[in-house]
Amino acid sequence: MNIYEERKSIRKYRPEMIPEESLREILEAGRLAPSAKNRQPWKFLVASGDKKEEICALMEQGIAKKKKSKMMPDKFKKGLASAENTLRIMREAPVLVLVMNTHSGDPYKPLMFGKRVSEIHDSLSIGAAVENMCLKAYELGIGSLWIGNTVFAHSEITSYLGRKDQLSCALSLGFPDEKPAGRPRKSFDETVEFL
């Protein structure tokens, strides 16, 4: 087994706080990730305690608003139950890292081709940064969960933060209070094709 096989997404955390040195190591791993054209489009906003609770309250507001929305397609409304479970996880985790794309803004606005290509590259770069943080956290005995459901409260959270940056995702961090089994993976032959 190696780190890629052993690391699992953690959805239950113990209440103790992560030591600052460990948190800094995790964030540094994200900062050092490769990025397209070396744009480094990320900003990591770290919240714990009351600040984290304020962000969770905004997440709750965003979910409630989306539930009432008549404009939201049904297929997205189905994701709201998952978002509510994610909110529970966010509240339980001692630390929440909001990952901002500093080169992009509102994810709901249409983009011209060149800007869309840049946004795709930046999203891939941010994915590399988040993966680096997940792996470093695991190495330090800290659990993590990569959270995309912040999309349901994008405007609420970014307004609260006073930022025009795009909220790409969040990362919950804490000492694991579970040992989840591995989830099914497609086989090598299903995912790889040699041309």
Protein backbone atom coordinates (compact mmCIF):
# COMPACT_ATOMS: atom_id res chain seq x y z
CA MET A 1 0.00 0.00 0.00
CA ASN A 2 1.07 3.58 -0.61
CA ILE A 3 -0.22 7.02 0.31
CA TYR A 4 -2.51 7.16 -2.75
CA GLU A 5 -4.20 3.90 -1.76
CA GLU A 6 -4.29 4.57 1.98
CA ARG A 7 -5.65 8.16 2.04
CA LYS A 8 -9.43 8.34 2.40
CA SER A 9 -11.88 11.22 2.59
CA ILE A 10 -12.75 11.82 6.23
CA ARG A 11 -16.26 12.88 7.22
CA LYS A 12 -16.03 12.50 11.02
CA TYR A 13 -13.53 14.40 13.14
CA ARG A 14 -12.35 14.54 16.72
CA PRO A 15 -12.74 18.00 18.31
CA GLU A 16 -9.07 18.75 19.07
CA MET A 17 -7.41 21.54 17.10
CA ILE A 18 -4.67 20.90 14.56
CA PRO A 19 -1.27 22.21 15.74
CA GLU A 20 -0.33 25.41 13.90
CA GLU A 21 2.92 23.89 12.60
CA SER A 22 1.00 21.00 10.99
CA LEU A 23 -1.55 23.37 9.49
CA ARG A 24 1.24 25.48 8.02
CA GLU A 25 2.85 22.36 6.49
CA ILE A 26 -0.46 21.45 4.83
CA LEU A 27 -0.93 24.96 3.43
CA GLU A 28 2.69 25.07 2.25
CA ALA A 29 2.12 21.82 0.32
CA GLY A 30 -0.77 23.56 -1.46
CA ARG A 31 1.30 26.66 -2.16
CA LEU A 32 4.03 24.56 -3.79
CA ALA A 33 1.70 22.78 -6.23
CA PRO A 34 2.36 23.03 -9.96
CA SER A 35 0.15 25.44 -11.87
CA ALA A 36 -0.54 26.15 -15.54
CA LYS A 37 1.76 28.93 -16.80
CA ASN A 38 2.87 29.28 -13.15
CA ARG A 39 -0.21 31.45 -12.54
CA GLN A 40 -0.63 30.16 -8.95
CA PRO A 41 -4.32 31.17 -8.98
CA TRP A 42 -5.01 30.22 -5.38
CA LYS A 43 -5.59 31.92 -2.08
CA PHE A 44 -6.23 29.78 0.99
CA LEU A 45 -8.50 31.34 3.61
CA VAL A 46 -8.26 29.43 6.90
CA ALA A 47 -11.21 29.50 9.28
CA SER A 48 -11.75 27.94 12.69
CA GLY A 49 -13.84 28.70 15.76
CA ASP A 50 -16.37 31.53 15.38
CA LYS A 51 -15.24 32.44 11.83
CA LYS A 52 -15.80 28.88 10.68
CA GLU A 53 -19.24 28.88 12.31
CA GLU A 54 -20.13 32.11 10.49
CA ILE A 55 -19.15 30.53 7.18
CA CYS A 56 -21.19 27.43 8.01
CA ALA A 57 -24.21 29.63 8.81
CA LEU A 58 -23.82 31.24 5.38
CA MET A 59 -23.61 27.80 3.79
CA GLU A 60 -26.87 26.91 5.55
CA GLN A 61 -28.49 30.11 4.23
CA GLY A 62 -27.32 29.37 0.69
CA ILE A 63 -28.72 25.84 0.80
CA ALA A 64 -32.06 27.09 2.17
CA LYS A 65 -32.24 29.74 -0.56
CA LYS A 66 -31.49 27.18 -3.30
CA LYS A 67 -34.21 24.87 -1.91
CA LYS A 68 -36.79 27.62 -2.43
CA SER A 69 -35.50 28.72 -5.82
CA LYS A 70 -37.77 28.10 -8.78
CA MET A 71 -34.86 28.86 -11.15
CA MET A 72 -32.71 25.96 -10.00
CA PRO A 73 -32.91 22.86 -12.25
CA ASP A 74 -34.21 19.71 -10.54
CA LYS A 75 -30.98 17.80 -11.18
CA PHE A 76 -29.11 20.38 -9.07
CA LYS A 77 -31.76 20.38 -6.35
CA LYS A 78 -30.99 16.68 -5.82
CA GLY A 79 -27.51 17.74 -4.68
CA LEU A 80 -28.93 19.76 -1.80
CA ALA A 81 -29.23 16.72 0.49
CA SER A 82 -25.55 16.04 -0.11
CA ALA A 83 -24.78 19.70 0.60
CA GLU A 84 -26.64 19.48 3.93
CA ASN A 85 -24.53 16.46 4.91
CA THR A 86 -21.42 18.36 3.83
CA LEU A 87 -22.48 21.23 6.09
CA ARG A 88 -22.61 18.82 9.04
CA ILE A 89 -19.05 17.74 8.22
CA MET A 90 -17.89 21.36 7.91
CA ARG A 91 -19.32 22.14 11.35
CA GLU A 92 -17.62 19.13 12.93
CA ALA A 93 -14.16 19.72 11.42
CA PRO A 94 -11.91 21.97 13.53
CA VAL A 95 -10.52 23.76 10.45
CA LEU A 96 -12.02 24.81 7.15
CA VAL A 97 -9.85 26.08 4.29
CA LEU A 98 -11.70 28.07 1.64
CA VAL A 99 -9.87 27.79 -1.67
CA MET A 100 -10.27 30.89 -3.82
CA ASN A 101 -9.45 31.26 -7.51
CA THR A 102 -7.93 34.74 -7.55
CA HIS A 103 -8.08 34.93 -11.36
CA SER A 104 -11.81 34.32 -11.69
CA GLY A 105 -15.09 35.57 -10.28
CA ASP A 106 -18.74 34.57 -10.38
CA PRO A 107 -18.94 30.96 -11.66
CA TYR A 108 -22.43 31.61 -13.04
CA LYS A 109 -21.43 34.33 -15.51
CA PRO A 110 -20.77 33.34 -19.12
CA LEU A 111 -17.16 33.62 -20.31
CA MET A 112 -15.55 34.21 -23.69
CA PHE A 113 -13.42 31.36 -25.06
CA GLY A 114 -10.01 32.68 -23.96
CA LYS A 115 -11.20 33.43 -20.44
CA ARG A 116 -12.89 30.00 -20.24
CA VAL A 117 -9.62 28.28 -21.22
CA SER A 118 -7.73 30.22 -18.53
CA GLU A 119 -10.40 29.32 -15.97
CA ILE A 120 -10.09 25.62 -16.86
CA HIS A 121 -6.32 25.78 -16.46
CA ASP A 122 -6.69 27.59 -13.14
CA SER A 123 -9.21 25.01 -11.92
CA LEU A 124 -6.80 22.20 -12.78
CA SER A 125 -4.03 24.03 -10.93
CA ILE A 126 -6.24 24.50 -7.88
CA GLY A 127 -7.04 20.78 -8.01
CA ALA A 128 -3.32 20.03 -7.81
CA ALA A 129 -2.97 22.36 -4.80
CA VAL A 130 -5.89 20.73 -2.98
CA GLU A 131 -4.57 17.23 -3.70
CA ASN A 132 -1.16 18.26 -2.34
CA MET A 133 -2.85 19.47 0.85
CA CYS A 134 -4.89 16.26 1.19
CA LEU A 135 -1.79 14.10 0.83
CA LYS A 136 0.28 16.21 3.26
CA ALA A 137 -2.57 16.13 5.78
CA TYR A 138 -2.71 12.33 5.54
CA GLU A 139 1.06 12.11 5.98
CA LEU A 140 0.67 14.12 9.22
CA GLY A 141 -2.17 11.93 10.54
CA ILE A 142 -4.82 14.57 9.76
CA GLY A 143 -8.02 13.80 7.89
CA SER A 144 -9.37 15.89 5.04
CA LEU A 145 -12.41 16.20 2.82
CA TRP A 146 -12.37 18.03 -0.51
CA ILE A 147 -15.66 19.97 -0.61
CA GLY A 148 -17.30 21.18 -3.81
CA ASN A 149 -20.74 21.84 -2.32
CA THR A 150 -19.72 25.39 -1.41
CA VAL A 151 -21.10 26.20 -4.86
CA PHE A 152 -24.57 26.24 -3.24
CA ALA A 153 -23.52 29.25 -1.12
CA HIS A 154 -20.99 30.92 -3.41
CA SER A 155 -22.55 34.40 -3.35
CA GLU A 156 -23.32 34.31 0.39
CA ILE A 157 -19.76 33.32 1.33
CA THR A 158 -17.90 35.57 -1.11
CA SER A 159 -20.07 38.56 -0.12
CA TYR A 160 -19.33 37.89 3.56
CA LEU A 161 -15.61 37.71 2.77
CA GLY A 162 -15.80 40.90 0.70
CA ARG A 163 -14.10 39.14 -2.22
CA LYS A 164 -14.73 39.04 -5.94
CA ASP A 165 -12.61 35.89 -6.32
CA GLN A 166 -14.26 32.62 -7.23
CA LEU A 167 -14.79 30.23 -4.32
CA SER A 168 -13.52 27.06 -5.99
CA CYS A 169 -13.97 24.66 -3.10
CA ALA A 170 -13.21 24.10 0.55
CA LEU A 171 -11.15 21.60 2.48
CA SER A 172 -12.15 20.38 5.92
CA LEU A 173 -9.29 19.31 8.18
CA GLY A 174 -9.14 17.55 11.53
CA PHE A 175 -8.00 14.44 13.34
CA PRO A 176 -10.05 11.50 12.00
CA ASP A 177 -12.76 9.93 14.14
CA GLU A 178 -13.38 7.15 11.62
CA LYS A 179 -11.50 4.67 9.45
CA PRO A 180 -13.54 4.43 6.28
CA ALA A 181 -13.09 1.51 3.93
CA GLY A 182 -11.86 2.19 0.43
CA ARG A 183 -14.47 3.14 -2.14
CA PRO A 184 -14.86 1.28 -5.41
CA ARG A 185 -12.51 2.34 -8.16
CA LYS A 186 -12.67 1.68 -11.86
CA SER A 187 -10.07 -0.84 -13.01
CA PHE A 188 -6.83 0.16 -14.68
CA ASP A 189 -8.11 -1.10 -18.03
CA GLU A 190 -11.32 0.96 -17.72
CA THR A 191 -9.42 4.18 -17.13
CA VAL A 192 -6.27 3.82 -19.24
CA GLU A 193 -5.96 3.43 -22.98
CA PHE A 194 -2.59 3.33 -24.72
CA LEU A 195 -2.75 4.94 -28.16
